[in-house]
C-alpha atoms as a PDB file:
ATOM      1  CA  UNK A   1     -51.570  14.529 106.379  1.00  0.00           C
ATOM      2  CA  UNK A   2     -51.881  17.639 104.221  1.00  0.00           C
ATOM      3  CA  UNK A   3     -52.965  21.070 105.376  1.00  0.00           C
ATOM      4  CA  UNK A   4     -55.324  23.022 103.204  1.00  0.00           C
ATOM      5  CA  UNK A   5     -55.830  26.704 103.903  1.00  0.00           C
ATOM      6  CA  UNK A   6     -59.206  27.977 102.764  1.00  0.00           C
ATOM      7  CA  UNK A   7     -59.485  31.752 103.077  1.00  0.00           C
ATOM      8  CA  UNK A   8     -62.642  33.230 104.630  1.00  0.00           C
ATOM      9  CA  UNK A   9     -65.583  33.890 102.358  1.00  0.00           C
ATOM     10  CA  UNK A  10     -65.055  37.662 102.629  1.00  0.00           C
ATOM     11  CA  UNK A  11     -61.746  37.161 100.775  1.00  0.00           C
ATOM     12  CA  UNK A  12     -63.233  35.058  97.976  1.00  0.00           C
ATOM     13  CA  UNK A  13     -66.470  36.725  97.063  1.00  0.00           C
ATOM     14  CA  UNK A  14     -66.086  35.606  93.454  1.00  0.00           C
ATOM     15  CA  UNK A  15     -67.038  32.140  94.748  1.00  0.00           C
ATOM     16  CA  UNK A  16     -70.445  33.357  95.959  1.00  0.00           C
ATOM     17  CA  UNK A  17     -72.456  32.678  92.768  1.00  0.00           C
ATOM     18  CA  UNK A  18     -71.107  29.114  92.571  1.00  0.00           C
ATOM     19  CA  UNK A  19     -71.703  28.531  96.275  1.00  0.00           C
ATOM     20  CA  UNK A  20     -75.236  29.918  96.031  1.00  0.00           C
ATOM     21  CA  UNK A  21     -75.982  27.643  93.089  1.00  0.00           C
ATOM     22  CA  UNK A  22     -74.575  24.626  94.936  1.00  0.00           C
ATOM     23  CA  UNK A  23     -76.548  25.419  98.099  1.00  0.00           C
ATOM     24  CA  UNK A  24     -79.755  25.832  96.080  1.00  0.00           C
ATOM     25  CA  UNK A  25     -79.171  22.461  94.386  1.00  0.00           C
ATOM     26  CA  UNK A  26     -78.643  20.705  97.734  1.00  0.00           C
ATOM     27  CA  UNK A  27     -81.550  22.377  99.574  1.00  0.00           C
ATOM     28  CA  UNK A  28     -84.987  20.720  99.416  1.00  0.00           C
ATOM     29  CA  UNK A  29     -87.067  22.731  96.873  1.00  0.00           C
ATOM     30  CA  UNK A  30     -84.009  24.901  96.226  1.00  0.00           C
ATOM     31  CA  UNK A  31     -83.544  23.564  92.720  1.00  0.00           C
ATOM     32  CA  UNK A  32     -86.676  25.483  91.650  1.00  0.00           C
ATOM     33  CA  UNK A  33     -85.782  28.727  93.439  1.00  0.00           C
ATOM     34  CA  UNK A  34     -84.089  31.679  91.838  1.00  0.00           C
ATOM     35  CA  UNK A  35     -82.184  34.567  93.330  1.00  0.00           C
ATOM     36  CA  UNK A  36     -82.609  38.065  91.957  1.00  0.00           C
ATOM     37  CA  UNK A  37     -79.434  39.664  90.619  1.00  0.00           C
ATOM     38  CA  UNK A  38     -79.822  42.626  92.974  1.00  0.00           C
ATOM     39  CA  UNK A  39     -79.828  40.139  95.850  1.00  0.00           C
ATOM     40  CA  UNK A  40     -76.619  38.542  94.623  1.00  0.00           C
ATOM     41  CA  UNK A  41     -75.098  42.010  94.323  1.00  0.00           C
ATOM     42  CA  UNK A  42     -76.047  42.724  97.943  1.00  0.00           C
ATOM     43  CA  UNK A  43     -74.657  39.370  99.021  1.00  0.00           C
ATOM     44  CA  UNK A  44     -71.353  40.205  97.327  1.00  0.00           C
ATOM     45  CA  UNK A  45     -71.082  43.324  99.503  1.00  0.00           C
ATOM     46  CA  UNK A  46     -71.672  41.457 102.765  1.00  0.00           C
ATOM     47  CA  UNK A  47     -68.637  40.235 104.754  1.00  0.00           C
ATOM     48  CA  UNK A  48     -70.194  36.883 105.740  1.00  0.00           C
ATOM     49  CA  UNK A  49     -68.570  36.595 109.169  1.00  0.00           C
ATOM     50  CA  UNK A  50     -70.193  33.165 109.519  1.00  0.00           C
ATOM     51  CA  UNK A  51     -68.589  32.124 106.228  1.00  0.00           C
ATOM     52  CA  UNK A  52     -70.273  29.445 104.122  1.00  0.00           C
ATOM     53  CA  UNK A  53     -72.337  28.238 107.081  1.00  0.00           C
ATOM     54  CA  UNK A  54     -74.012  31.665 107.367  1.00  0.00           C
ATOM     55  CA  UNK A  55     -74.600  31.793 103.606  1.00  0.00           C
ATOM     56  CA  UNK A  56     -76.134  28.311 103.665  1.00  0.00           C
ATOM     57  CA  UNK A  57     -78.415  29.228 106.594  1.00  0.00           C
ATOM     58  CA  UNK A  58     -79.670  32.383 104.857  1.00  0.00           C
ATOM     59  CA  UNK A  59     -80.441  30.571 101.604  1.00  0.00           C
ATOM     60  CA  UNK A  60     -81.962  27.465 103.195  1.00  0.00           C
ATOM     61  CA  UNK A  61     -84.203  29.509 105.486  1.00  0.00           C
ATOM     62  CA  UNK A  62     -85.440  31.641 102.604  1.00  0.00           C
ATOM     63  CA  UNK A  63     -86.149  28.622 100.380  1.00  0.00           C
ATOM     64  CA  UNK A  64     -87.805  26.556 103.084  1.00  0.00           C
ATOM     65  CA  UNK A  65     -90.082  29.386 104.194  1.00  0.00           C
ATOM     66  CA  UNK A  66     -91.096  30.595 100.744  1.00  0.00           C
ATOM     67  CA  UNK A  67     -94.731  30.029  99.827  1.00  0.00           C
ATOM     68  CA  UNK A  68     -94.386  28.809  96.240  1.00  0.00           C
ATOM     69  CA  UNK A  69     -92.196  26.261  94.452  1.00  0.00           C
ATOM     70  CA  UNK A  70     -90.546  29.005  92.408  1.00  0.00           C
ATOM     71  CA  UNK A  71     -89.499  31.684  94.819  1.00  0.00           C
ATOM     72  CA  UNK A  72     -87.375  34.782  94.499  1.00  0.00           C
ATOM     73  CA  UNK A  73     -85.065  34.956  97.456  1.00  0.00           C
ATOM     74  CA  UNK A  74     -84.397  38.465  98.622  1.00  0.00           C
ATOM     75  CA  UNK A  75     -81.578  38.805 101.102  1.00  0.00           C
ATOM     76  CA  UNK A  76     -80.994  41.993 102.998  1.00  0.00           C
ATOM     77  CA  UNK A  77     -77.255  41.477 103.271  1.00  0.00           C
ATOM     78  CA  UNK A  78     -75.653  44.862 103.655  1.00  0.00           C
ATOM     79  CA  UNK A  79     -72.026  45.760 104.143  1.00  0.00           C
ATOM     80  CA  UNK A  80     -71.184  46.601 107.736  1.00  0.00           C
ATOM     81  CA  UNK A  81     -70.003  50.106 106.826  1.00  0.00           C
ATOM     82  CA  UNK A  82     -73.169  51.111 104.986  1.00  0.00           C
ATOM     83  CA  UNK A  83     -75.007  53.945 106.759  1.00  0.00           C
ATOM     84  CA  UNK A  84     -78.561  53.219 107.896  1.00  0.00           C
ATOM     85  CA  UNK A  85     -81.266  54.157 105.419  1.00  0.00           C
ATOM     86  CA  UNK A  86     -84.632  55.697 106.098  1.00  0.00           C
ATOM     87  CA  UNK A  87     -86.449  52.842 104.343  1.00  0.00           C
ATOM     88  CA  UNK A  88     -88.968  50.754 106.280  1.00  0.00           C
ATOM     89  CA  UNK A  89     -87.342  48.117 108.471  1.00  0.00           C
ATOM     90  CA  UNK A  90     -86.834  44.900 106.596  1.00  0.00           C
ATOM     91  CA  UNK A  91     -87.412  42.949 109.777  1.00  0.00           C
ATOM     92  CA  UNK A  92     -91.140  43.485 109.291  1.00  0.00           C
ATOM     93  CA  UNK A  93     -92.812  40.416 107.903  1.00  0.00           C
ATOM     94  CA  UNK A  94     -93.886  40.099 104.270  1.00  0.00           C
ATOM     95  CA  UNK A  95     -97.514  39.598 105.267  1.00  0.00           C
ATOM     96  CA  UNK A  96     -97.463  43.083 106.776  1.00  0.00           C
ATOM     97  CA  UNK A  97     -95.656  44.778 103.903  1.00  0.00           C
ATOM     98  CA  UNK A  98     -96.470  42.774 100.778  1.00  0.00           C
ATOM     99  CA  UNK A  99     -97.987  44.820  97.985  1.00  0.00           C
ATOM    100  CA  UNK A 100     -97.777  42.328  95.121  1.00  0.00           C
ATOM    101  CA  UNK A 101     -98.016  38.591  94.624  1.00  0.00           C
ATOM    102  CA  UNK A 102     -94.236  38.418  94.168  1.00  0.00           C
ATOM    103  CA  UNK A 103     -93.553  40.288  97.410  1.00  0.00           C
ATOM    104  CA  UNK A 104     -95.863  37.971  99.331  1.00  0.00           C
ATOM    105  CA  UNK A 105     -93.717  35.013  98.252  1.00  0.00           C
ATOM    106  CA  UNK A 106     -90.481  36.241  99.816  1.00  0.00           C
ATOM    107  CA  UNK A 107     -89.042  35.997 103.274  1.00  0.00           C
ATOM    108  CA  UNK A 108     -86.671  38.874 103.985  1.00  0.00           C
ATOM    109  CA  UNK A 109     -83.566  37.911 105.898  1.00  0.00           C
ATOM    110  CA  UNK A 110     -81.665  40.756 107.510  1.00  0.00           C
ATOM    111  CA  UNK A 111     -78.109  39.679 108.257  1.00  0.00           C
ATOM    112  CA  UNK A 112     -77.399  43.115 109.742  1.00  0.00           C
ATOM    113  CA  UNK A 113     -79.306  42.221 112.929  1.00  0.00           C
ATOM    114  CA  UNK A 114     -78.229  39.636 115.518  1.00  0.00           C
ATOM    115  CA  UNK A 115     -78.745  36.025 114.502  1.00  0.00           C
ATOM    116  CA  UNK A 116     -81.174  35.213 117.333  1.00  0.00           C
ATOM    117  CA  UNK A 117     -83.445  38.126 116.427  1.00  0.00           C
ATOM    118  CA  UNK A 118     -83.337  37.335 112.700  1.00  0.00           C
ATOM    119  CA  UNK A 119     -84.090  33.679 113.432  1.00  0.00           C
ATOM    120  CA  UNK A 120     -87.003  34.588 115.703  1.00  0.00           C
ATOM    121  CA  UNK A 121     -88.450  36.899 113.028  1.00  0.00           C
ATOM    122  CA  UNK A 122     -88.348  34.104 110.458  1.00  0.00           C
ATOM    123  CA  UNK A 123     -89.806  31.549 112.874  1.00  0.00           C
ATOM    124  CA  UNK A 124     -92.609  33.906 113.923  1.00  0.00           C
ATOM    125  CA  UNK A 125     -93.512  34.563 110.294  1.00  0.00           C
ATOM    126  CA  UNK A 126     -93.575  30.823 109.587  1.00  0.00           C
ATOM    127  CA  UNK A 127     -95.755  30.173 112.639  1.00  0.00           C
ATOM    128  CA  UNK A 128     -98.205  32.912 111.607  1.00  0.00           C
ATOM    129  CA  UNK A 129     -98.537  31.523 108.091  1.00  0.00           C
ATOM    130  CA  UNK A 130     -98.734  27.910 109.194  1.00  0.00           C
ATOM    131  CA  UNK A 131    -101.274  28.377 111.981  1.00  0.00           C
ATOM    132  CA  UNK A 132    -103.425  30.752 109.910  1.00  0.00           C
ATOM    133  CA  UNK A 133    -103.605  28.334 106.980  1.00  0.00           C
ATOM    134  CA  UNK A 134    -104.045  25.311 109.212  1.00  0.00           C
ATOM    135  CA  UNK A 135    -106.994  26.883 111.025  1.00  0.00           C
ATOM    136  CA  UNK A 136    -108.523  28.157 107.795  1.00  0.00           C
ATOM    137  CA  UNK A 137    -108.269  24.647 106.335  1.00  0.00           C
ATOM    138  CA  UNK A 138    -110.101  23.256 109.381  1.00  0.00           C
ATOM    139  CA  UNK A 139    -112.724  26.031 109.510  1.00  0.00           C
ATOM    140  CA  UNK A 140    -111.304  27.394 112.757  1.00  0.00           C
ATOM    141  CA  UNK A 141    -111.642  24.078 114.599  1.00  0.00           C
ATOM    142  CA  UNK A 142    -108.590  24.140 116.873  1.00  0.00           C
ATOM    143  CA  UNK A 143    -108.921  20.495 117.931  1.00  0.00           C
ATOM    144  CA  UNK A 144    -109.017  19.266 114.322  1.00  0.00           C
ATOM    145  CA  UNK A 145    -106.151  21.576 113.356  1.00  0.00           C
ATOM    146  CA  UNK A 146    -104.067  20.339 116.295  1.00  0.00           C
ATOM    147  CA  UNK A 147    -104.672  16.708 115.329  1.00  0.00           C
ATOM    148  CA  UNK A 148    -103.676  17.433 111.721  1.00  0.00           C
ATOM    149  CA  UNK A 149    -100.485  19.213 112.847  1.00  0.00           C
ATOM    150  CA  UNK A 150     -99.642  16.584 115.436  1.00  0.00           C
ATOM    151  CA  UNK A 151     -99.525  19.095 118.295  1.00  0.00           C
ATOM    152  CA  UNK A 152    -101.577  19.738 121.413  1.00  0.00           C
ATOM    153  CA  UNK A 153    -104.546  22.090 120.956  1.00  0.00           C
ATOM    154  CA  UNK A 154    -103.280  24.246 123.825  1.00  0.00           C
ATOM    155  CA  UNK A 155    -100.111  24.828 121.794  1.00  0.00           C
ATOM    156  CA  UNK A 156    -102.255  26.389 119.079  1.00  0.00           C
ATOM    157  CA  UNK A 157    -104.050  28.564 121.629  1.00  0.00           C
ATOM    158  CA  UNK A 158    -100.699  29.711 123.038  1.00  0.00           C
ATOM    159  CA  UNK A 159     -99.313  30.446 119.565  1.00  0.00           C
ATOM    160  CA  UNK A 160    -102.390  32.453 118.608  1.00  0.00           C
ATOM    161  CA  UNK A 161    -102.038  34.505 121.786  1.00  0.00           C
ATOM    162  CA  UNK A 162     -98.242  34.942 121.467  1.00  0.00           C
ATOM    163  CA  UNK A 163     -98.473  35.954 117.798  1.00  0.00           C
ATOM    164  CA  UNK A 164    -101.459  38.229 118.379  1.00  0.00           C
ATOM    165  CA  UNK A 165    -103.631  36.332 115.914  1.00  0.00           C
ATOM    166  CA  UNK A 166    -107.358  35.798 115.954  1.00  0.00           C
ATOM    167  CA  UNK A 167    -108.646  32.421 114.824  1.00  0.00           C
ATOM    168  CA  UNK A 168    -109.009  33.106 111.066  1.00  0.00           C
ATOM    169  CA  UNK A 169    -111.468  30.257 110.590  1.00  0.00           C
ATOM    170  CA  UNK A 170    -113.862  31.750 113.158  1.00  0.00           C
ATOM    171  CA  UNK A 171    -113.963  35.297 111.796  1.00  0.00           C
END
């Protein structure tokens, strides 16, 4: 038996570009995604306390929730010592803040907030997009949309209420 010591990701940040590329190649639809250089620069400043697993989760979530095959992943990784800025909170969803077609295609991931909250923000954004498009595709018919999604129609009603959405197909 041989022991191999692999230092934490925070001690080998030069590996980040190669790891990012590998993760993109092994993530469904990741091979067509690209990461902006400013995002990679931000990622290099982050300590990645979750190591490669955290990096993989951030990239996979961004790729899987992007709206187009070629997506620009924008990660809000910030070093822990950076003072808070007066910019708008990046936890707001792209549909609320998007001002261009490119911005509407990104899912911001803020690794400076607790994992559970960041995960819930991403899931809520996905649910909003999915349910809105599903209902629009079925002209607001909740029963037909539920059948197409393979879920109970009451689940759609509950999601609409929880997410504060009106039925977009009925407006």
